[in-house]
Protein backbone atom coordinates (compact mmCIF):
# COMPACT_ATOMS: atom_id res chain seq x y z
CA UNK A 1 0.00 0.00 0.00
CA UNK A 2 2.82 2.43 0.80
CA UNK A 3 5.95 0.82 -0.57
CA UNK A 4 4.96 0.19 -4.19
CA UNK A 5 3.81 3.80 -4.87
CA UNK A 6 7.11 4.97 -3.31
CA UNK A 7 9.08 2.59 -5.52
CA UNK A 8 7.22 3.71 -8.65
CA UNK A 9 7.68 7.42 -7.79
CA UNK A 10 11.41 6.89 -7.29
CA UNK A 11 11.92 4.71 -10.39
CA UNK A 12 12.79 1.64 -8.32
CA UNK A 13 12.17 -1.50 -10.34
CA UNK A 14 9.69 -4.05 -8.98
CA UNK A 15 7.62 -6.91 -10.33
CA UNK A 16 3.85 -7.31 -10.06
CA UNK A 17 2.25 -10.64 -9.22
CA UNK A 18 0.03 -12.24 -11.82
CA UNK A 19 -3.70 -12.17 -11.17
CA UNK A 20 -5.57 -15.27 -10.10
CA UNK A 21 -8.20 -16.60 -12.53
CA UNK A 22 -11.03 -19.10 -12.20
CA UNK A 23 -13.93 -19.96 -14.47
CA UNK A 24 -16.70 -21.75 -12.64
CA UNK A 25 -20.04 -22.61 -14.21
CA UNK A 26 -19.39 -20.16 -17.06
CA UNK A 27 -18.44 -17.23 -14.83
CA UNK A 28 -14.97 -15.64 -14.74
CA UNK A 29 -13.60 -14.79 -11.30
CA UNK A 30 -10.30 -12.96 -10.79
CA UNK A 31 -8.23 -11.44 -8.03
CA UNK A 32 -4.89 -9.78 -7.47
CA UNK A 33 -2.75 -9.44 -4.33
CA UNK A 34 -2.07 -5.71 -4.80
CA UNK A 35 -4.70 -3.30 -3.53
CA UNK A 36 -5.55 -0.79 -6.26
CA UNK A 37 -4.14 -2.88 -9.12
CA UNK A 38 -6.27 -3.42 -12.22
CA UNK A 39 -6.84 -6.76 -13.91
CA UNK A 40 -7.13 -6.52 -17.70
CA UNK A 41 -8.13 -9.60 -19.68
CA UNK A 42 -8.87 -10.97 -23.14
CA UNK A 43 -10.94 -13.94 -24.26
CA UNK A 44 -9.58 -14.28 -27.80
CA UNK A 45 -6.06 -15.47 -26.98
CA UNK A 46 -4.37 -12.09 -27.51
CA UNK A 47 -2.08 -10.51 -24.93
CA UNK A 48 -3.90 -8.14 -22.55
CA UNK A 49 -2.98 -4.46 -22.74
CA UNK A 50 -3.91 -1.42 -20.67
CA UNK A 51 -6.86 -0.98 -23.09
CA UNK A 52 -8.20 -4.55 -22.71
CA UNK A 53 -11.40 -5.31 -20.80
CA UNK A 54 -11.20 -4.34 -17.12
CA UNK A 55 -12.27 -7.04 -14.69
CA UNK A 56 -14.33 -5.43 -11.93
CA UNK A 57 -16.73 -8.19 -10.87
CA UNK A 58 -17.55 -11.77 -11.90
CA UNK A 59 -18.62 -11.88 -15.56
CA UNK A 60 -20.16 -14.51 -17.81
CA UNK A 61 -17.42 -16.11 -19.87
CA UNK A 62 -18.11 -18.73 -22.55
CA UNK A 63 -14.63 -19.16 -24.03
CA UNK A 64 -11.85 -21.72 -24.06
CA UNK A 65 -8.99 -19.33 -23.26
CA UNK A 66 -8.61 -16.29 -21.01
CA UNK A 67 -5.44 -14.24 -20.68
CA UNK A 68 -4.97 -11.66 -17.92
CA UNK A 69 -2.39 -9.25 -16.50
CA UNK A 70 -2.15 -7.02 -13.43
CA UNK A 71 -1.56 -3.30 -14.04
CA UNK A 72 -0.38 -0.91 -11.31
CA UNK A 73 1.67 2.28 -11.09
CA UNK A 74 2.60 2.15 -14.79
CA UNK A 75 3.81 -1.45 -14.56
CA UNK A 76 2.29 -4.72 -15.74
CA UNK A 77 2.71 -8.33 -14.67
CA UNK A 78 3.51 -11.27 -16.87
CA UNK A 79 0.38 -12.58 -18.52
CA UNK A 80 -1.48 -15.55 -17.11
CA UNK A 81 -3.27 -17.92 -19.50
CA UNK A 82 -6.23 -20.05 -18.44
CA UNK A 83 -7.14 -22.77 -20.96
CA UNK A 84 -10.37 -24.66 -20.45
CA UNK A 85 -10.79 -28.24 -21.53
CA UNK A 86 -13.80 -28.76 -23.76
PDB file of N, CA and C in Angstrom:
ATOM      1  N   UNK A   1       0.829  -1.195   0.000  1.00  0.00           N
ATOM      2  CA  UNK A   1       0.000   0.000   0.000  1.00  0.00           C
ATOM      3  C   UNK A   1       0.869   1.251   0.000  1.00  0.00           C
ATOM      4  N   UNK A   2       1.942   1.261   0.747  1.00  0.00           N
ATOM      5  CA  UNK A   2       2.823   2.428   0.802  1.00  0.00           C
ATOM      6  C   UNK A   2       4.105   2.250   0.012  1.00  0.00           C
ATOM      7  N   UNK A   3       4.646   1.050   0.049  1.00  0.00           N
ATOM      8  CA  UNK A   3       5.950   0.821  -0.568  1.00  0.00           C
ATOM      9  C   UNK A   3       5.924   0.899  -2.093  1.00  0.00           C
ATOM     10  N   UNK A   4       4.967   0.232  -2.723  1.00  0.00           N
ATOM     11  CA  UNK A   4       4.960   0.194  -4.192  1.00  0.00           C
ATOM     12  C   UNK A   4       4.774   1.581  -4.806  1.00  0.00           C
ATOM     13  N   UNK A   5       3.871   2.434  -4.313  1.00  0.00           N
ATOM     14  CA  UNK A   5       3.811   3.797  -4.866  1.00  0.00           C
ATOM     15  C   UNK A   5       5.137   4.546  -4.682  1.00  0.00           C
ATOM     16  N   UNK A   6       5.806   4.337  -3.546  1.00  0.00           N
ATOM     17  CA  UNK A   6       7.112   4.966  -3.306  1.00  0.00           C
ATOM     18  C   UNK A   6       8.122   4.472  -4.326  1.00  0.00           C
ATOM     19  N   UNK A   7       8.144   3.154  -4.547  1.00  0.00           N
ATOM     20  CA  UNK A   7       9.082   2.594  -5.520  1.00  0.00           C
ATOM     21  C   UNK A   7       8.825   3.158  -6.912  1.00  0.00           C
ATOM     22  N   UNK A   8       7.557   3.200  -7.318  1.00  0.00           N
ATOM     23  CA  UNK A   8       7.215   3.710  -8.654  1.00  0.00           C
ATOM     24  C   UNK A   8       7.622   5.173  -8.787  1.00  0.00           C
ATOM     25  N   UNK A   9       7.346   5.978  -7.772  1.00  0.00           N
ATOM     26  CA  UNK A   9       7.677   7.416  -7.792  1.00  0.00           C
ATOM     27  C   UNK A   9       9.181   7.633  -7.911  1.00  0.00           C
ATOM     28  N   UNK A  10       9.964   6.747  -7.313  1.00  0.00           N
ATOM     29  CA  UNK A  10      11.415   6.894  -7.292  1.00  0.00           C
ATOM     30  C   UNK A  10      12.127   5.999  -8.305  1.00  0.00           C
ATOM     31  N   UNK A  11      11.371   5.513  -9.290  1.00  0.00           N
ATOM     32  CA  UNK A  11      11.920   4.706 -10.391  1.00  0.00           C
ATOM     33  C   UNK A  11      12.669   3.470  -9.908  1.00  0.00           C
ATOM     34  N   UNK A  12      12.210   2.887  -8.807  1.00  0.00           N
ATOM     35  CA  UNK A  12      12.787   1.641  -8.317  1.00  0.00           C
ATOM     36  C   UNK A  12      12.044   0.494  -8.996  1.00  0.00           C
ATOM     37  N   UNK A  13      12.790  -0.414  -9.589  1.00  0.00           N
ATOM     38  CA  UNK A  13      12.171  -1.501 -10.335  1.00  0.00           C
ATOM     39  C   UNK A  13      11.550  -2.527  -9.391  1.00  0.00           C
ATOM     40  N   UNK A  14      10.350  -2.977  -9.722  1.00  0.00           N
ATOM     41  CA  UNK A  14       9.692  -4.048  -8.977  1.00  0.00           C
ATOM     42  C   UNK A  14       8.798  -4.830  -9.919  1.00  0.00           C
ATOM     43  N   UNK A  15       8.430  -6.027  -9.500  1.00  0.00           N
ATOM     44  CA  UNK A  15       7.622  -6.908 -10.331  1.00  0.00           C
ATOM     45  C   UNK A  15       6.252  -7.097  -9.696  1.00  0.00           C
ATOM     46  N   UNK A  16       5.222  -7.083 -10.530  1.00  0.00           N
ATOM     47  CA  UNK A  16       3.853  -7.306 -10.056  1.00  0.00           C
ATOM     48  C   UNK A  16       3.502  -8.778 -10.112  1.00  0.00           C
ATOM     49  N   UNK A  17       2.723  -9.252  -9.146  1.00  0.00           N
ATOM     50  CA  UNK A  17       2.252 -10.637  -9.221  1.00  0.00           C
ATOM     51  C   UNK A  17       1.176 -10.778 -10.290  1.00  0.00           C
ATOM     52  N   UNK A  18       1.090 -11.958 -10.855  1.00  0.00           N
ATOM     53  CA  UNK A  18       0.028 -12.242 -11.821  1.00  0.00           C
ATOM     54  C   UNK A  18      -1.314 -12.311 -11.092  1.00  0.00           C
ATOM     55  N   UNK A  19      -2.382 -12.016 -11.798  1.00  0.00           N
ATOM     56  CA  UNK A  19      -3.704 -12.173 -11.170  1.00  0.00           C
ATOM     57  C   UNK A  19      -4.070 -13.652 -11.054  1.00  0.00           C
ATOM     58  N   UNK A  20      -5.011 -13.937 -10.196  1.00  0.00           N
ATOM     59  CA  UNK A  20      -5.568 -15.273 -10.103  1.00  0.00           C
ATOM     60  C   UNK A  20      -6.825 -15.340 -10.955  1.00  0.00           C
ATOM     61  N   UNK A  21      -7.035 -16.435 -11.664  1.00  0.00           N
ATOM     62  CA  UNK A  21      -8.205 -16.598 -12.528  1.00  0.00           C
ATOM     63  C   UNK A  21      -8.901 -17.918 -12.234  1.00  0.00           C
ATOM     64  N   UNK A  22     -10.228 -17.898 -12.351  1.00  0.00           N
ATOM     65  CA  UNK A  22     -11.032 -19.102 -12.199  1.00  0.00           C
ATOM     66  C   UNK A  22     -12.297 -18.928 -13.020  1.00  0.00           C
ATOM     67  N   UNK A  23     -12.633 -19.947 -13.801  1.00  0.00           N
ATOM     68  CA  UNK A  23     -13.935 -19.964 -14.473  1.00  0.00           C
ATOM     69  C   UNK A  23     -14.716 -21.108 -13.860  1.00  0.00           C
ATOM     70  N   UNK A  24     -15.847 -20.764 -13.289  1.00  0.00           N
ATOM     71  CA  UNK A  24     -16.698 -21.754 -12.638  1.00  0.00           C
ATOM     72  C   UNK A  24     -18.118 -21.564 -13.121  1.00  0.00           C
ATOM     73  N   UNK A  25     -18.677 -22.630 -13.701  1.00  0.00           N
ATOM     74  CA  UNK A  25     -20.040 -22.612 -14.214  1.00  0.00           C
ATOM     75  C   UNK A  25     -20.269 -21.436 -15.170  1.00  0.00           C
ATOM     76  N   UNK A  26     -19.275 -21.187 -16.043  1.00  0.00           N
ATOM     77  CA  UNK A  26     -19.391 -20.159 -17.064  1.00  0.00           C
ATOM     78  C   UNK A  26     -19.191 -18.734 -16.586  1.00  0.00           C
ATOM     79  N   UNK A  27     -18.692 -18.560 -15.365  1.00  0.00           N
ATOM     80  CA  UNK A  27     -18.444 -17.225 -14.828  1.00  0.00           C
ATOM     81  C   UNK A  27     -16.966 -17.068 -14.520  1.00  0.00           C
ATOM     82  N   UNK A  28     -16.382 -15.943 -14.976  1.00  0.00           N
ATOM     83  CA  UNK A  28     -14.970 -15.645 -14.739  1.00  0.00           C
ATOM     84  C   UNK A  28     -14.819 -14.900 -13.427  1.00  0.00           C
ATOM     85  N   UNK A  29     -13.962 -15.430 -12.566  1.00  0.00           N
ATOM     86  CA  UNK A  29     -13.599 -14.792 -11.303  1.00  0.00           C
ATOM     87  C   UNK A  29     -12.112 -14.461 -11.380  1.00  0.00           C
ATOM     88  N   UNK A  30     -11.711 -13.346 -10.783  1.00  0.00           N
ATOM     89  CA  UNK A  30     -10.303 -12.961 -10.794  1.00  0.00           C
ATOM     90  C   UNK A  30      -9.972 -12.205  -9.516  1.00  0.00           C
ATOM     91  N   UNK A  31      -8.687 -12.237  -9.154  1.00  0.00           N
ATOM     92  CA  UNK A  31      -8.226 -11.437  -8.026  1.00  0.00           C
ATOM     93  C   UNK A  31      -6.755 -11.121  -8.208  1.00  0.00           C
ATOM     94  N   UNK A  32      -6.293 -10.152  -7.427  1.00  0.00           N
ATOM     95  CA  UNK A  32      -4.886  -9.775  -7.469  1.00  0.00           C
ATOM     96  C   UNK A  32      -4.478  -9.386  -6.050  1.00  0.00           C
ATOM     97  N   UNK A  33      -3.229  -9.658  -5.696  1.00  0.00           N
ATOM     98  CA  UNK A  33      -2.752  -9.439  -4.333  1.00  0.00           C
ATOM     99  C   UNK A  33      -2.461  -7.974  -4.008  1.00  0.00           C
ATOM    100  N   UNK A  34      -2.431  -7.112  -5.004  1.00  0.00           N
ATOM    101  CA  UNK A  34      -2.067  -5.706  -4.800  1.00  0.00           C
ATOM    102  C   UNK A  34      -3.322  -4.842  -4.765  1.00  0.00           C
ATOM    103  N   UNK A  35      -3.556  -4.193  -3.645  1.00  0.00           N
ATOM    104  CA  UNK A  35      -4.705  -3.302  -3.527  1.00  0.00           C
ATOM    105  C   UNK A  35      -4.547  -2.136  -4.504  1.00  0.00           C
ATOM    106  N   UNK A  36      -5.584  -1.886  -5.294  1.00  0.00           N
ATOM    107  CA  UNK A  36      -5.548  -0.795  -6.262  1.00  0.00           C
ATOM    108  C   UNK A  36      -5.061  -1.188  -7.646  1.00  0.00           C
ATOM    109  N   UNK A  37      -4.579  -2.421  -7.798  1.00  0.00           N
ATOM    110  CA  UNK A  37      -4.141  -2.883  -9.121  1.00  0.00           C
ATOM    111  C   UNK A  37      -5.357  -3.212  -9.978  1.00  0.00           C
ATOM    112  N   UNK A  38      -5.213  -3.057 -11.281  1.00  0.00           N
ATOM    113  CA  UNK A  38      -6.266  -3.420 -12.218  1.00  0.00           C
ATOM    114  C   UNK A  38      -5.942  -4.769 -12.838  1.00  0.00           C
ATOM    115  N   UNK A  39      -6.988  -5.513 -13.157  1.00  0.00           N
ATOM    116  CA  UNK A  39      -6.838  -6.756 -13.913  1.00  0.00           C
ATOM    117  C   UNK A  39      -7.459  -6.503 -15.279  1.00  0.00           C
ATOM    118  N   UNK A  40      -6.665  -6.652 -16.314  1.00  0.00           N
ATOM    119  CA  UNK A  40      -7.131  -6.524 -17.695  1.00  0.00           C
ATOM    120  C   UNK A  40      -7.055  -7.904 -18.335  1.00  0.00           C
ATOM    121  N   UNK A  41      -8.075  -8.246 -19.136  1.00  0.00           N
ATOM    122  CA  UNK A  41      -8.128  -9.596 -19.682  1.00  0.00           C
ATOM    123  C   UNK A  41      -8.643  -9.605 -21.117  1.00  0.00           C
ATOM    124  N   UNK A  42      -8.342 -10.719 -21.799  1.00  0.00           N
ATOM    125  CA  UNK A  42      -8.871 -10.966 -23.140  1.00  0.00           C
ATOM    126  C   UNK A  42      -9.439 -12.377 -23.175  1.00  0.00           C
ATOM    127  N   UNK A  43     -10.352 -12.609 -24.107  1.00  0.00           N
ATOM    128  CA  UNK A  43     -10.938 -13.944 -24.257  1.00  0.00           C
ATOM    129  C   UNK A  43     -10.717 -14.498 -25.664  1.00  0.00           C
ATOM    130  N   UNK A  44      -9.843 -13.837 -26.433  1.00  0.00           N
ATOM    131  CA  UNK A  44      -9.584 -14.285 -27.801  1.00  0.00           C
ATOM    132  C   UNK A  44      -8.150 -14.793 -27.996  1.00  0.00           C
ATOM    133  N   UNK A  45      -7.420 -14.957 -26.902  1.00  0.00           N
ATOM    134  CA  UNK A  45      -6.058 -15.473 -26.983  1.00  0.00           C
ATOM    135  C   UNK A  45      -4.986 -14.424 -27.176  1.00  0.00           C
ATOM    136  N   UNK A  46      -5.366 -13.148 -27.352  1.00  0.00           N
ATOM    137  CA  UNK A  46      -4.369 -12.086 -27.514  1.00  0.00           C
ATOM    138  C   UNK A  46      -3.847 -11.645 -26.149  1.00  0.00           C
ATOM    139  N   UNK A  47      -2.674 -11.012 -26.169  1.00  0.00           N
ATOM    140  CA  UNK A  47      -2.081 -10.511 -24.934  1.00  0.00           C
ATOM    141  C   UNK A  47      -2.884  -9.318 -24.405  1.00  0.00           C
ATOM    142  N   UNK A  48      -3.191  -9.292 -23.115  1.00  0.00           N
ATOM    143  CA  UNK A  48      -3.897  -8.140 -22.545  1.00  0.00           C
ATOM    144  C   UNK A  48      -3.022  -6.885 -22.551  1.00  0.00           C
ATOM    145  N   UNK A  49      -3.655  -5.757 -22.787  1.00  0.00           N
ATOM    146  CA  UNK A  49      -2.984  -4.456 -22.737  1.00  0.00           C
ATOM    147  C   UNK A  49      -3.745  -3.565 -21.760  1.00  0.00           C
ATOM    148  N   UNK A  50      -3.249  -2.368 -21.558  1.00  0.00           N
ATOM    149  CA  UNK A  50      -3.911  -1.416 -20.668  1.00  0.00           C
ATOM    150  C   UNK A  50      -5.278  -1.005 -21.216  1.00  0.00           C
ATOM    151  N   UNK A  51      -5.572  -1.309 -22.488  1.00  0.00           N
ATOM    152  CA  UNK A  51      -6.859  -0.978 -23.088  1.00  0.00           C
ATOM    153  C   UNK A  51      -7.811  -2.179 -23.133  1.00  0.00           C
ATOM    154  N   UNK A  52      -7.355  -3.351 -22.705  1.00  0.00           N
ATOM    155  CA  UNK A  52      -8.203  -4.549 -22.708  1.00  0.00           C
ATOM    156  C   UNK A  52      -9.318  -4.405 -21.676  1.00  0.00           C
ATOM    157  N   UNK A  53     -10.260  -5.337 -21.725  1.00  0.00           N
ATOM    158  CA  UNK A  53     -11.396  -5.309 -20.795  1.00  0.00           C
ATOM    159  C   UNK A  53     -10.906  -5.295 -19.349  1.00  0.00           C
ATOM    160  N   UNK A  54     -11.522  -4.455 -18.543  1.00  0.00           N
ATOM    161  CA  UNK A  54     -11.199  -4.337 -17.121  1.00  0.00           C
ATOM    162  C   UNK A  54     -12.093  -5.280 -16.330  1.00  0.00           C
ATOM    163  N   UNK A  55     -11.482  -6.152 -15.544  1.00  0.00           N
ATOM    164  CA  UNK A  55     -12.266  -7.042 -14.690  1.00  0.00           C
ATOM    165  C   UNK A  55     -12.596  -6.286 -13.409  1.00  0.00           C
ATOM    166  N   UNK A  56     -13.904  -6.134 -13.140  1.00  0.00           N
ATOM    167  CA  UNK A  56     -14.334  -5.430 -11.926  1.00  0.00           C
ATOM    168  C   UNK A  56     -15.193  -6.301 -11.022  1.00  0.00           C
ATOM    169  N   UNK A  57     -15.853  -7.286 -11.598  1.00  0.00           N
ATOM    170  CA  UNK A  57     -16.733  -8.195 -10.866  1.00  0.00           C
ATOM    171  C   UNK A  57     -16.888  -9.453 -11.710  1.00  0.00           C
ATOM    172  N   UNK A  58     -17.357 -10.548 -11.111  1.00  0.00           N
ATOM    173  CA  UNK A  58     -17.551 -11.768 -11.898  1.00  0.00           C
ATOM    174  C   UNK A  58     -18.380 -11.497 -13.157  1.00  0.00           C
ATOM    175  N   UNK A  59     -17.937 -12.071 -14.287  1.00  0.00           N
ATOM    176  CA  UNK A  59     -18.623 -11.879 -15.562  1.00  0.00           C
ATOM    177  C   UNK A  59     -18.849 -13.224 -16.235  1.00  0.00           C
ATOM    178  N   UNK A  60     -19.907 -13.312 -17.018  1.00  0.00           N
ATOM    179  CA  UNK A  60     -20.161 -14.511 -17.808  1.00  0.00           C
ATOM    180  C   UNK A  60     -19.040 -14.663 -18.822  1.00  0.00           C
ATOM    181  N   UNK A  61     -18.565 -15.872 -18.990  1.00  0.00           N
ATOM    182  CA  UNK A  61     -17.420 -16.107 -19.868  1.00  0.00           C
ATOM    183  C   UNK A  61     -17.569 -17.478 -20.523  1.00  0.00           C
ATOM    184  N   UNK A  62     -17.929 -17.489 -21.795  1.00  0.00           N
ATOM    185  CA  UNK A  62     -18.106 -18.730 -22.552  1.00  0.00           C
ATOM    186  C   UNK A  62     -16.993 -18.827 -23.593  1.00  0.00           C
ATOM    187  N   UNK A  63     -15.783 -19.075 -23.144  1.00  0.00           N
ATOM    188  CA  UNK A  63     -14.632 -19.155 -24.035  1.00  0.00           C
ATOM    189  C   UNK A  63     -13.723 -20.289 -23.594  1.00  0.00           C
ATOM    190  N   UNK A  64     -12.770 -20.642 -24.422  1.00  0.00           N
ATOM    191  CA  UNK A  64     -11.853 -21.719 -24.061  1.00  0.00           C
ATOM    192  C   UNK A  64     -10.505 -21.199 -23.562  1.00  0.00           C
ATOM    193  N   UNK A  65     -10.261 -19.896 -23.724  1.00  0.00           N
ATOM    194  CA  UNK A  65      -8.994 -19.329 -23.256  1.00  0.00           C
ATOM    195  C   UNK A  65      -9.220 -17.901 -22.733  1.00  0.00           C
ATOM    196  N   UNK A  66      -8.592 -17.634 -21.587  1.00  0.00           N
ATOM    197  CA  UNK A  66      -8.608 -16.292 -21.006  1.00  0.00           C
ATOM    198  C   UNK A  66      -7.166 -15.941 -20.677  1.00  0.00           C
ATOM    199  N   UNK A  67      -6.754 -14.738 -21.053  1.00  0.00           N
ATOM    200  CA  UNK A  67      -5.436 -14.236 -20.676  1.00  0.00           C
ATOM    201  C   UNK A  67      -5.646 -12.988 -19.839  1.00  0.00           C
ATOM    202  N   UNK A  68      -4.820 -12.816 -18.795  1.00  0.00           N
ATOM    203  CA  UNK A  68      -4.974 -11.661 -17.916  1.00  0.00           C
ATOM    204  C   UNK A  68      -3.616 -11.177 -17.431  1.00  0.00           C
ATOM    205  N   UNK A  69      -3.568  -9.878 -17.084  1.00  0.00           N
ATOM    206  CA  UNK A  69      -2.390  -9.245 -16.504  1.00  0.00           C
ATOM    207  C   UNK A  69      -2.841  -8.282 -15.420  1.00  0.00           C
ATOM    208  N   UNK A  70      -1.950  -8.061 -14.445  1.00  0.00           N
ATOM    209  CA  UNK A  70      -2.154  -7.021 -13.434  1.00  0.00           C
ATOM    210  C   UNK A  70      -1.476  -5.747 -13.932  1.00  0.00           C
ATOM    211  N   UNK A  71      -2.117  -4.605 -13.692  1.00  0.00           N
ATOM    212  CA  UNK A  71      -1.563  -3.298 -14.042  1.00  0.00           C
ATOM    213  C   UNK A  71      -1.596  -2.411 -12.806  1.00  0.00           C
ATOM    214  N   UNK A  72      -0.457  -1.748 -12.505  1.00  0.00           N
ATOM    215  CA  UNK A  72      -0.380  -0.910 -11.307  1.00  0.00           C
ATOM    216  C   UNK A  72       0.817   0.021 -11.411  1.00  0.00           C
ATOM    217  N   UNK A  73       0.594   1.284 -11.136  1.00  0.00           N
ATOM    218  CA  UNK A  73       1.675   2.282 -11.091  1.00  0.00           C
ATOM    219  C   UNK A  73       2.528   2.284 -12.366  1.00  0.00           C
ATOM    220  N   UNK A  74       1.878   2.124 -13.522  1.00  0.00           N
ATOM    221  CA  UNK A  74       2.596   2.149 -14.792  1.00  0.00           C
ATOM    222  C   UNK A  74       3.335   0.859 -15.123  1.00  0.00           C
ATOM    223  N   UNK A  75       3.168  -0.160 -14.313  1.00  0.00           N
ATOM    224  CA  UNK A  75       3.814  -1.454 -14.561  1.00  0.00           C
ATOM    225  C   UNK A  75       2.757  -2.498 -14.903  1.00  0.00           C
ATOM    226  N   UNK A  76       3.197  -3.611 -15.451  1.00  0.00           N
ATOM    227  CA  UNK A  76       2.292  -4.717 -15.736  1.00  0.00           C
ATOM    228  C   UNK A  76       2.976  -6.029 -15.404  1.00  0.00           C
ATOM    229  N   UNK A  77       2.180  -7.005 -15.005  1.00  0.00           N
ATOM    230  CA  UNK A  77       2.706  -8.328 -14.675  1.00  0.00           C
ATOM    231  C   UNK A  77       2.921  -9.142 -15.948  1.00  0.00           C
ATOM    232  N   UNK A  78       3.499 -10.296 -15.784  1.00  0.00           N
ATOM    233  CA  UNK A  78       3.505 -11.266 -16.870  1.00  0.00           C
ATOM    234  C   UNK A  78       2.067 -11.706 -17.086  1.00  0.00           C
ATOM    235  N   UNK A  79       1.760 -12.149 -18.282  1.00  0.00           N
ATOM    236  CA  UNK A  79       0.379 -12.585 -18.519  1.00  0.00           C
ATOM    237  C   UNK A  79       0.175 -13.990 -17.960  1.00  0.00           C
ATOM    238  N   UNK A  80      -1.062 -14.258 -17.587  1.00  0.00           N
ATOM    239  CA  UNK A  80      -1.480 -15.554 -17.114  1.00  0.00           C
ATOM    240  C   UNK A  80      -2.501 -16.080 -18.103  1.00  0.00           C
ATOM    241  N   UNK A  81      -2.351 -17.321 -18.538  1.00  0.00           N
ATOM    242  CA  UNK A  81      -3.271 -17.917 -19.501  1.00  0.00           C
ATOM    243  C   UNK A  81      -4.028 -19.053 -18.833  1.00  0.00           C
ATOM    244  N   UNK A  82      -5.349 -18.995 -18.947  1.00  0.00           N
ATOM    245  CA  UNK A  82      -6.229 -20.051 -18.438  1.00  0.00           C
ATOM    246  C   UNK A  82      -6.870 -20.720 -19.645  1.00  0.00           C
ATOM    247  N   UNK A  83      -6.583 -22.019 -19.839  1.00  0.00           N
ATOM    248  CA  UNK A  83      -7.135 -22.770 -20.959  1.00  0.00           C
ATOM    249  C   UNK A  83      -8.117 -23.782 -20.399  1.00  0.00           C
ATOM    250  N   UNK A  84      -9.332 -23.744 -20.917  1.00  0.00           N
ATOM    251  CA  UNK A  84     -10.369 -24.655 -20.446  1.00  0.00           C
ATOM    252  C   UNK A  84     -10.465 -25.868 -21.348  1.00  0.00           C
ATOM    253  N   UNK A  85     -10.597 -27.015 -20.754  1.00  0.00           N
ATOM    254  CA  UNK A  85     -10.787 -28.239 -21.530  1.00  0.00           C
ATOM    255  C   UNK A  85     -12.242 -28.281 -21.983  1.00  0.00           C
ATOM    256  N   UNK A  86     -12.430 -28.704 -23.218  1.00  0.00           N
ATOM    257  CA  UNK A  86     -13.800 -28.758 -23.757  1.00  0.00           C
ATOM    258  C   UNK A  86     -14.259 -30.157 -23.932  1.00  0.00           C
TER     259      UNK A  86
END
